[in-house]
Structures are given as C-alpha cells and as structure tokens.
C-alpha cells in the first residue's frame, strides 16, 4: 500500500483518519504539534505501520522532509 502523511494526526478527526488508513493497510506518518490536546495515547501508537512526528505543519523544512517518502498527504480539519 501507500505511505500517507496526516497533519493534525493527534486531534479528534485526525485520530479516526489514521485509524482507518492503518486498517486499510497503509503506512501512516502522523504530524502534530500536540498544542490542542497534548500527548494523547492512541490504540495504534505501537502499530508497526505508524510513526508520530511531533512538529508543526508550518515548518516548511520538516514538512518537505516528511513528504519526501509519501505517496499522499491528508490534512485533518482543525
């Protein structure tokens, strides 16, 4: 399957999006600055196809680096 970058992945909607992408067999890179909810434990945190990066989507250099290996990106609504 493909690798997907999800910004806002630690948020309410982002969490559901990550969960569904993993269920469908995708590899997911989650990006969140954890400013709204703080560090939240999710059932998929230890999933082998999931990686959470703590950072800000406004950081162009970080975003470019993360997008480098991705097939898709999906911003979660704020």
PDB file of N, CA and C in Angstrom:
ATOM      1  N   UNK A   1       0.841  -1.188   0.000  1.00  0.00           N
ATOM      2  CA  UNK A   1       0.000   0.000   0.000  1.00  0.00           C
ATOM      3  C   UNK A   1       0.882   1.246   0.000  1.00  0.00           C
ATOM      4  N   UNK A   2       0.264   2.375   0.181  1.00  0.00           N
ATOM      5  CA  UNK A   2       0.998   3.631   0.099  1.00  0.00           C
ATOM      6  C   UNK A   2       1.308   4.201   1.479  1.00  0.00           C
ATOM      7  N   UNK A   3       2.220   5.167   1.488  1.00  0.00           N
ATOM      8  CA  UNK A   3       2.558   5.901   2.709  1.00  0.00           C
ATOM      9  C   UNK A   3       1.833   7.234   2.649  1.00  0.00           C
ATOM     10  N   UNK A   4       1.152   7.580   3.748  1.00  0.00           N
ATOM     11  CA  UNK A   4       0.331   8.790   3.810  1.00  0.00           C
ATOM     12  C   UNK A   4       0.800   9.645   4.974  1.00  0.00           C
ATOM     13  N   UNK A   5       0.923  10.945   4.737  1.00  0.00           N
ATOM     14  CA  UNK A   5       1.219  11.905   5.796  1.00  0.00           C
ATOM     15  C   UNK A   5      -0.093  12.533   6.235  1.00  0.00           C
ATOM     16  N   UNK A   6      -0.368  12.477   7.540  1.00  0.00           N
ATOM     17  CA  UNK A   6      -1.579  13.089   8.094  1.00  0.00           C
ATOM     18  C   UNK A   6      -1.156  14.167   9.071  1.00  0.00           C
ATOM     19  N   UNK A   7      -1.446  15.432   8.733  1.00  0.00           N
ATOM     20  CA  UNK A   7      -1.169  16.517   9.658  1.00  0.00           C
ATOM     21  C   UNK A   7      -2.340  16.626  10.628  1.00  0.00           C
ATOM     22  N   UNK A   8      -2.056  17.021  11.845  1.00  0.00           N
ATOM     23  CA  UNK A   8      -3.109  17.080  12.858  1.00  0.00           C
ATOM     24  C   UNK A   8      -3.536  15.695  13.298  1.00  0.00           C
ATOM     25  N   UNK A   9      -2.623  14.746  13.223  1.00  0.00           N
ATOM     26  CA  UNK A   9      -2.962  13.342  13.472  1.00  0.00           C
ATOM     27  C   UNK A   9      -3.337  13.016  14.908  1.00  0.00           C
ATOM     28  N   UNK A  10      -2.950  13.857  15.859  1.00  0.00           N
ATOM     29  CA  UNK A  10      -3.277  13.587  17.261  1.00  0.00           C
ATOM     30  C   UNK A  10      -4.634  14.182  17.656  1.00  0.00           C
ATOM     31  N   UNK A  11      -5.253  14.894  16.739  1.00  0.00           N
ATOM     32  CA  UNK A  11      -6.543  15.502  17.020  1.00  0.00           C
ATOM     33  C   UNK A  11      -7.689  14.502  16.924  1.00  0.00           C
ATOM     34  N   UNK A  12      -8.868  14.983  17.200  1.00  0.00           N
ATOM     35  CA  UNK A  12     -10.064  14.132  17.224  1.00  0.00           C
ATOM     36  C   UNK A  12     -10.320  13.475  15.865  1.00  0.00           C
ATOM     37  N   UNK A  13     -10.452  14.276  14.822  1.00  0.00           N
ATOM     38  CA  UNK A  13     -10.729  13.741  13.489  1.00  0.00           C
ATOM     39  C   UNK A  13      -9.500  13.047  12.923  1.00  0.00           C
ATOM     40  N   UNK A  14      -8.332  13.640  13.134  1.00  0.00           N
ATOM     41  CA  UNK A  14      -7.088  13.037  12.650  1.00  0.00           C
ATOM     42  C   UNK A  14      -6.883  11.635  13.190  1.00  0.00           C
ATOM     43  N   UNK A  15      -7.264  11.409  14.432  1.00  0.00           N
ATOM     44  CA  UNK A  15      -7.141  10.085  15.034  1.00  0.00           C
ATOM     45  C   UNK A  15      -7.975   9.044  14.315  1.00  0.00           C
ATOM     46  N   UNK A  16      -9.195   9.423  13.955  1.00  0.00           N
ATOM     47  CA  UNK A  16     -10.056   8.497  13.209  1.00  0.00           C
ATOM     48  C   UNK A  16      -9.500   8.242  11.808  1.00  0.00           C
ATOM     49  N   UNK A  17      -8.957   9.280  11.202  1.00  0.00           N
ATOM     50  CA  UNK A  17      -8.380   9.142   9.868  1.00  0.00           C
ATOM     51  C   UNK A  17      -7.181   8.189   9.891  1.00  0.00           C
ATOM     52  N   UNK A  18      -6.286   8.375  10.853  1.00  0.00           N
ATOM     53  CA  UNK A  18      -5.122   7.491  10.984  1.00  0.00           C
ATOM     54  C   UNK A  18      -5.577   6.048  11.194  1.00  0.00           C
ATOM     55  N   UNK A  19      -6.517   5.854  12.088  1.00  0.00           N
ATOM     56  CA  UNK A  19      -7.016   4.514  12.386  1.00  0.00           C
ATOM     57  C   UNK A  19      -7.565   3.828  11.128  1.00  0.00           C
ATOM     58  N   UNK A  20      -8.325   4.554  10.333  1.00  0.00           N
ATOM     59  CA  UNK A  20      -8.910   3.985   9.114  1.00  0.00           C
ATOM     60  C   UNK A  20      -7.839   3.683   8.065  1.00  0.00           C
ATOM     61  N   UNK A  21      -6.885   4.565   7.913  1.00  0.00           N
ATOM     62  CA  UNK A  21      -5.799   4.325   6.948  1.00  0.00           C
ATOM     63  C   UNK A  21      -4.994   3.084   7.334  1.00  0.00           C
ATOM     64  N   UNK A  22      -4.705   2.931   8.622  1.00  0.00           N
ATOM     65  CA  UNK A  22      -3.981   1.740   9.080  1.00  0.00           C
ATOM     66  C   UNK A  22      -4.816   0.487   8.852  1.00  0.00           C
ATOM     67  N   UNK A  23      -6.100   0.571   9.121  1.00  0.00           N
ATOM     68  CA  UNK A  23      -6.992  -0.570   8.920  1.00  0.00           C
ATOM     69  C   UNK A  23      -6.999  -1.017   7.466  1.00  0.00           C
ATOM     70  N   UNK A  24      -6.845  -0.061   6.567  1.00  0.00           N
ATOM     71  CA  UNK A  24      -6.840  -0.373   5.130  1.00  0.00           C
ATOM     72  C   UNK A  24      -5.462  -0.765   4.611  1.00  0.00           C
ATOM     73  N   UNK A  25      -4.485  -0.851   5.513  1.00  0.00           N
ATOM     74  CA  UNK A  25      -3.174  -1.357   5.132  1.00  0.00           C
ATOM     75  C   UNK A  25      -2.151  -0.324   4.713  1.00  0.00           C
ATOM     76  N   UNK A  26      -2.426   0.947   4.923  1.00  0.00           N
ATOM     77  CA  UNK A  26      -1.476   1.995   4.556  1.00  0.00           C
ATOM     78  C   UNK A  26      -0.430   2.185   5.653  1.00  0.00           C
ATOM     79  N   UNK A  27       0.694   2.714   5.269  1.00  0.00           N
ATOM     80  CA  UNK A  27       1.696   3.165   6.229  1.00  0.00           C
ATOM     81  C   UNK A  27       1.394   4.633   6.490  1.00  0.00           C
ATOM     82  N   UNK A  28       1.370   5.040   7.762  1.00  0.00           N
ATOM     83  CA  UNK A  28       0.960   6.401   8.110  1.00  0.00           C
ATOM     84  C   UNK A  28       2.052   7.105   8.905  1.00  0.00           C
ATOM     85  N   UNK A  29       2.368   8.314   8.457  1.00  0.00           N
ATOM     86  CA  UNK A  29       3.235   9.219   9.207  1.00  0.00           C
ATOM     87  C   UNK A  29       2.325  10.320   9.725  1.00  0.00           C
ATOM     88  N   UNK A  30       2.223  10.432  11.040  1.00  0.00           N
ATOM     89  CA  UNK A  30       1.386  11.455  11.652  1.00  0.00           C
ATOM     90  C   UNK A  30       2.226  12.632  12.085  1.00  0.00           C
ATOM     91  N   UNK A  31       1.757  13.827  11.831  1.00  0.00           N
ATOM     92  CA  UNK A  31       2.445  15.046  12.248  1.00  0.00           C
ATOM     93  C   UNK A  31       1.495  15.865  13.104  1.00  0.00           C
ATOM     94  N   UNK A  32       1.947  16.251  14.286  1.00  0.00           N
ATOM     95  CA  UNK A  32       1.120  17.080  15.156  1.00  0.00           C
ATOM     96  C   UNK A  32       2.031  17.838  16.110  1.00  0.00           C
ATOM     97  N   UNK A  33       1.654  19.067  16.436  1.00  0.00           N
ATOM     98  CA  UNK A  33       2.436  19.837  17.413  1.00  0.00           C
ATOM     99  C   UNK A  33       1.906  19.650  18.838  1.00  0.00           C
ATOM    100  N   UNK A  34       0.872  18.861  18.977  1.00  0.00           N
ATOM    101  CA  UNK A  34       0.288  18.488  20.279  1.00  0.00           C
ATOM    102  C   UNK A  34      -0.167  19.692  21.092  1.00  0.00           C
ATOM    103  N   UNK A  35      -0.441  20.813  20.426  1.00  0.00           N
ATOM    104  CA  UNK A  35      -0.805  22.031  21.151  1.00  0.00           C
ATOM    105  C   UNK A  35      -2.254  22.038  21.638  1.00  0.00           C
ATOM    106  N   UNK A  36      -3.130  21.297  20.988  1.00  0.00           N
ATOM    107  CA  UNK A  36      -4.539  21.352  21.370  1.00  0.00           C
ATOM    108  C   UNK A  36      -4.889  20.369  22.484  1.00  0.00           C
ATOM    109  N   UNK A  37      -4.462  19.112  22.342  1.00  0.00           N
ATOM    110  CA  UNK A  37      -4.826  18.073  23.307  1.00  0.00           C
ATOM    111  C   UNK A  37      -3.654  17.599  24.157  1.00  0.00           C
ATOM    112  N   UNK A  38      -2.444  17.973  23.791  1.00  0.00           N
ATOM    113  CA  UNK A  38      -1.265  17.427  24.469  1.00  0.00           C
ATOM    114  C   UNK A  38      -1.033  16.006  23.979  1.00  0.00           C
ATOM    115  N   UNK A  39      -0.172  15.303  24.666  1.00  0.00           N
ATOM    116  CA  UNK A  39       0.126  13.918  24.285  1.00  0.00           C
ATOM    117  C   UNK A  39      -1.052  13.024  24.661  1.00  0.00           C
ATOM    118  N   UNK A  40      -1.637  12.381  23.676  1.00  0.00           N
ATOM    119  CA  UNK A  40      -2.789  11.503  23.873  1.00  0.00           C
ATOM    120  C   UNK A  40      -2.400  10.106  23.429  1.00  0.00           C
ATOM    121  N   UNK A  41      -2.687   9.108  24.254  1.00  0.00           N
ATOM    122  CA  UNK A  41      -2.403   7.715  23.879  1.00  0.00           C
ATOM    123  C   UNK A  41      -3.493   7.212  22.939  1.00  0.00           C
ATOM    124  N   UNK A  42      -3.067   6.584  21.872  1.00  0.00           N
ATOM    125  CA  UNK A  42      -3.994   6.004  20.907  1.00  0.00           C
ATOM    126  C   UNK A  42      -3.749   4.511  20.818  1.00  0.00           C
ATOM    127  N   UNK A  43      -4.746   3.775  20.425  1.00  0.00           N
ATOM    128  CA  UNK A  43      -4.634   2.313  20.339  1.00  0.00           C
ATOM    129  C   UNK A  43      -3.603   1.885  19.296  1.00  0.00           C
ATOM    130  N   UNK A  44      -3.325   2.719  18.332  1.00  0.00           N
ATOM    131  CA  UNK A  44      -2.408   2.368  17.254  1.00  0.00           C
ATOM    132  C   UNK A  44      -0.999   2.935  17.435  1.00  0.00           C
ATOM    133  N   UNK A  45      -0.705   3.540  18.576  1.00  0.00           N
ATOM    134  CA  UNK A  45       0.620   4.138  18.799  1.00  0.00           C
ATOM    135  C   UNK A  45       1.766   3.162  18.538  1.00  0.00           C
ATOM    136  N   UNK A  46       1.576   1.908  18.865  1.00  0.00           N
ATOM    137  CA  UNK A  46       2.645   0.923  18.679  1.00  0.00           C
ATOM    138  C   UNK A  46       2.478   0.112  17.387  1.00  0.00           C
ATOM    139  N   UNK A  47       1.547   0.510  16.543  1.00  0.00           N
ATOM    140  CA  UNK A  47       1.332  -0.184  15.269  1.00  0.00           C
ATOM    141  C   UNK A  47       2.607  -0.065  14.432  1.00  0.00           C
ATOM    142  N   UNK A  48       3.066  -1.159  13.842  1.00  0.00           N
ATOM    143  CA  UNK A  48       4.320  -1.128  13.080  1.00  0.00           C
ATOM    144  C   UNK A  48       4.278  -0.237  11.833  1.00  0.00           C
ATOM    145  N   UNK A  49       3.098   0.133  11.371  1.00  0.00           N
ATOM    146  CA  UNK A  49       2.987   0.976  10.177  1.00  0.00           C
ATOM    147  C   UNK A  49       2.670   2.427  10.510  1.00  0.00           C
ATOM    148  N   UNK A  50       2.846   2.802  11.785  1.00  0.00           N
ATOM    149  CA  UNK A  50       2.531   4.168  12.208  1.00  0.00           C
ATOM    150  C   UNK A  50       3.732   4.811  12.869  1.00  0.00           C
ATOM    151  N   UNK A  51       3.956   6.066  12.512  1.00  0.00           N
ATOM    152  CA  UNK A  51       5.022   6.848  13.151  1.00  0.00           C
ATOM    153  C   UNK A  51       4.497   8.248  13.401  1.00  0.00           C
ATOM    154  N   UNK A  52       4.577   8.701  14.651  1.00  0.00           N
ATOM    155  CA  UNK A  52       4.167  10.055  15.010  1.00  0.00           C
ATOM    156  C   UNK A  52       5.401  10.946  15.086  1.00  0.00           C
ATOM    157  N   UNK A  53       5.327  12.081  14.412  1.00  0.00           N
ATOM    158  CA  UNK A  53       6.384  13.077  14.465  1.00  0.00           C
ATOM    159  C   UNK A  53       5.795  14.300  15.161  1.00  0.00           C
ATOM    160  N   UNK A  54       6.442  14.740  16.231  1.00  0.00           N
ATOM    161  CA  UNK A  54       5.981  15.942  16.916  1.00  0.00           C
ATOM    162  C   UNK A  54       6.626  17.141  16.248  1.00  0.00           C
ATOM    163  N   UNK A  55       5.797  17.961  15.648  1.00  0.00           N
ATOM    164  CA  UNK A  55       6.289  19.136  14.943  1.00  0.00           C
ATOM    165  C   UNK A  55       5.124  19.927  14.398  1.00  0.00           C
ATOM    166  N   UNK A  56       5.449  21.052  13.786  1.00  0.00           N
ATOM    167  CA  UNK A  56       4.436  21.970  13.300  1.00  0.00           C
ATOM    168  C   UNK A  56       4.367  21.927  11.780  1.00  0.00           C
ATOM    169  N   UNK A  57       3.170  21.877  11.241  1.00  0.00           N
ATOM    170  CA  UNK A  57       2.982  21.854   9.789  1.00  0.00           C
ATOM    171  C   UNK A  57       3.424  23.162   9.138  1.00  0.00           C
ATOM    172  N   UNK A  58       3.660  24.195   9.923  1.00  0.00           N
ATOM    173  CA  UNK A  58       4.180  25.459   9.386  1.00  0.00           C
ATOM    174  C   UNK A  58       5.682  25.399   9.152  1.00  0.00           C
ATOM    175  N   UNK A  59       6.333  24.364   9.649  1.00  0.00           N
ATOM    176  CA  UNK A  59       7.771  24.173   9.464  1.00  0.00           C
ATOM    177  C   UNK A  59       7.999  23.570   8.080  1.00  0.00           C
ATOM    178  N   UNK A  60       8.285  24.419   7.104  1.00  0.00           N
ATOM    179  CA  UNK A  60       8.394  24.005   5.712  1.00  0.00           C
ATOM    180  C   UNK A  60       9.475  22.946   5.523  1.00  0.00           C
ATOM    181  N   UNK A  61      10.594  23.110   6.193  1.00  0.00           N
ATOM    182  CA  UNK A  61      11.689  22.149   6.056  1.00  0.00           C
ATOM    183  C   UNK A  61      11.271  20.762   6.564  1.00  0.00           C
ATOM    184  N   UNK A  62      10.625  20.704   7.718  1.00  0.00           N
ATOM    185  CA  UNK A  62      10.154  19.435   8.273  1.00  0.00           C
ATOM    186  C   UNK A  62       9.104  18.809   7.362  1.00  0.00           C
ATOM    187  N   UNK A  63       8.145  19.606   6.923  1.00  0.00           N
ATOM    188  CA  UNK A  63       7.082  19.106   6.058  1.00  0.00           C
ATOM    189  C   UNK A  63       7.651  18.552   4.752  1.00  0.00           C
ATOM    190  N   UNK A  64       8.605  19.250   4.174  1.00  0.00           N
ATOM    191  CA  UNK A  64       9.240  18.777   2.935  1.00  0.00           C
ATOM    192  C   UNK A  64       9.945  17.452   3.154  1.00  0.00           C
ATOM    193  N   UNK A  65      10.625  17.335   4.270  1.00  0.00           N
ATOM    194  CA  UNK A  65      11.323  16.085   4.590  1.00  0.00           C
ATOM    195  C   UNK A  65      10.335  14.925   4.739  1.00  0.00           C
ATOM    196  N   UNK A  66       9.248  15.154   5.463  1.00  0.00           N
ATOM    197  CA  UNK A  66       8.264  14.099   5.689  1.00  0.00           C
ATOM    198  C   UNK A  66       7.517  13.724   4.412  1.00  0.00           C
ATOM    199  N   UNK A  67       7.239  14.692   3.573  1.00  0.00           N
ATOM    200  CA  UNK A  67       6.527  14.418   2.324  1.00  0.00           C
ATOM    201  C   UNK A  67       7.392  13.670   1.315  1.00  0.00           C
ATOM    202  N   UNK A  68       8.704  13.730   1.486  1.00  0.00           N
ATOM    203  CA  UNK A  68       9.631  13.101   0.559  1.00  0.00           C
ATOM    204  C   UNK A  68       9.351  11.625   0.297  1.00  0.00           C
ATOM    205  N   UNK A  69       8.968  10.883   1.305  1.00  0.00           N
ATOM    206  CA  UNK A  69       8.722   9.458   1.132  1.00  0.00           C
ATOM    207  C   UNK A  69       7.252   9.081   1.062  1.00  0.00           C
ATOM    208  N   UNK A  70       6.378  10.083   0.956  1.00  0.00           N
ATOM    209  CA  UNK A  70       4.938   9.803   0.986  1.00  0.00           C
ATOM    210  C   UNK A  70       4.319   9.802  -0.404  1.00  0.00           C
ATOM    211  N   UNK A  71       3.299   8.983  -0.546  1.00  0.00           N
ATOM    212  CA  UNK A  71       2.524   8.934  -1.778  1.00  0.00           C
ATOM    213  C   UNK A  71       1.347   9.900  -1.729  1.00  0.00           C
ATOM    214  N   UNK A  72       0.849  10.184  -0.527  1.00  0.00           N
ATOM    215  CA  UNK A  72      -0.308  11.053  -0.345  1.00  0.00           C
ATOM    216  C   UNK A  72      -0.125  11.862   0.932  1.00  0.00           C
ATOM    217  N   UNK A  73      -0.811  12.983   1.004  1.00  0.00           N
ATOM    218  CA  UNK A  73      -0.890  13.729   2.266  1.00  0.00           C
ATOM    219  C   UNK A  73      -2.355  14.055   2.494  1.00  0.00           C
ATOM    220  N   UNK A  74      -2.720  14.101   3.750  1.00  0.00           N
ATOM    221  CA  UNK A  74      -4.105  14.355   4.081  1.00  0.00           C
ATOM    222  C   UNK A  74      -4.181  15.226   5.328  1.00  0.00           C
ATOM    223  N   UNK A  75      -4.437  16.529   5.157  1.00  0.00           N
ATOM    224  CA  UNK A  75      -4.558  17.374   6.338  1.00  0.00           C
ATOM    225  C   UNK A  75      -5.870  17.096   7.062  1.00  0.00           C
ATOM    226  N   UNK A  76      -5.790  16.884   8.340  1.00  0.00           N
ATOM    227  CA  UNK A  76      -7.003  16.716   9.145  1.00  0.00           C
ATOM    228  C   UNK A  76      -7.576  18.085   9.445  1.00  0.00           C
ATOM    229  N   UNK A  77      -8.894  18.232   9.429  1.00  0.00           N
ATOM    230  CA  UNK A  77      -9.525  19.523   9.739  1.00  0.00           C
ATOM    231  C   UNK A  77      -9.168  19.964  11.149  1.00  0.00           C
ATOM    232  N   UNK A  78      -9.031  21.251  11.329  1.00  0.00           N
ATOM    233  CA  UNK A  78      -8.709  21.811  12.651  1.00  0.00           C
ATOM    234  C   UNK A  78      -9.965  22.137  13.396  1.00  0.00           C
TER     235      UNK A  78
END
